[in-house]
Amino acid sequence: MPLKPPTREILNRERRSQLRFLLVLAVAALLFTVARTGWRPW
């Protein structure tokens, strides 16, 4: 018997968690860059 495909709700939840992880990663990279340049990126 074939496995039941994941519902749209599960897919949306996975996509939301992925987007949240990418957002946190981008913010961490931005803070790291600003701190490394002495809070003056320009």
Protein backbone atom coordinates (compact mmCIF):
# COMPACT_ATOMS: atom_id res chain seq x y z
CA MET A 1 0.00 0.00 0.00
CA PRO A 2 1.55 3.36 -1.02
CA LEU A 3 2.37 5.90 1.64
CA LYS A 4 -0.04 8.77 2.12
CA PRO A 5 1.41 11.98 0.64
CA PRO A 6 1.98 14.80 3.11
CA THR A 7 -0.85 17.26 3.43
CA ARG A 8 -0.59 20.90 2.47
CA GLU A 9 -0.59 21.87 6.15
CA ILE A 10 2.56 19.85 6.83
CA LEU A 11 4.25 21.30 3.74
CA ASN A 12 3.36 24.83 4.79
CA ARG A 13 4.71 24.19 8.29
CA GLU A 14 7.99 22.84 6.90
CA ARG A 15 8.31 25.80 4.54
CA ARG A 16 7.64 28.26 7.38
CA SER A 17 10.30 26.65 9.58
CA GLN A 18 12.76 26.73 6.66
CA LEU A 19 12.08 30.41 6.02
CA ARG A 20 12.48 31.19 9.73
CA PHE A 21 15.82 29.34 9.78
CA LEU A 22 17.06 31.25 6.73
CA LEU A 23 15.95 34.55 8.27
CA VAL A 24 17.81 33.81 11.51
CA LEU A 25 20.89 32.79 9.50
CA ALA A 26 20.80 36.04 7.50
CA VAL A 27 20.43 38.16 10.65
CA ALA A 28 23.32 36.31 12.31
CA ALA A 29 25.53 36.86 9.25
CA LEU A 30 24.62 40.55 9.17
CA LEU A 31 25.39 41.00 12.88
CA PHE A 32 28.69 39.13 12.45
CA THR A 33 29.69 41.38 9.54
CA VAL A 34 28.75 44.58 11.39
CA ALA A 35 30.60 43.48 14.53
CA ARG A 36 33.69 42.49 12.53
CA THR A 37 33.83 45.86 10.75
CA GLY A 38 33.56 47.74 14.04
CA TRP A 39 29.85 48.68 13.68
CA ARG A 40 30.76 50.89 10.68
CA PRO A 41 30.11 48.98 7.44
CA TRP A 42 30.49 52.12 5.32
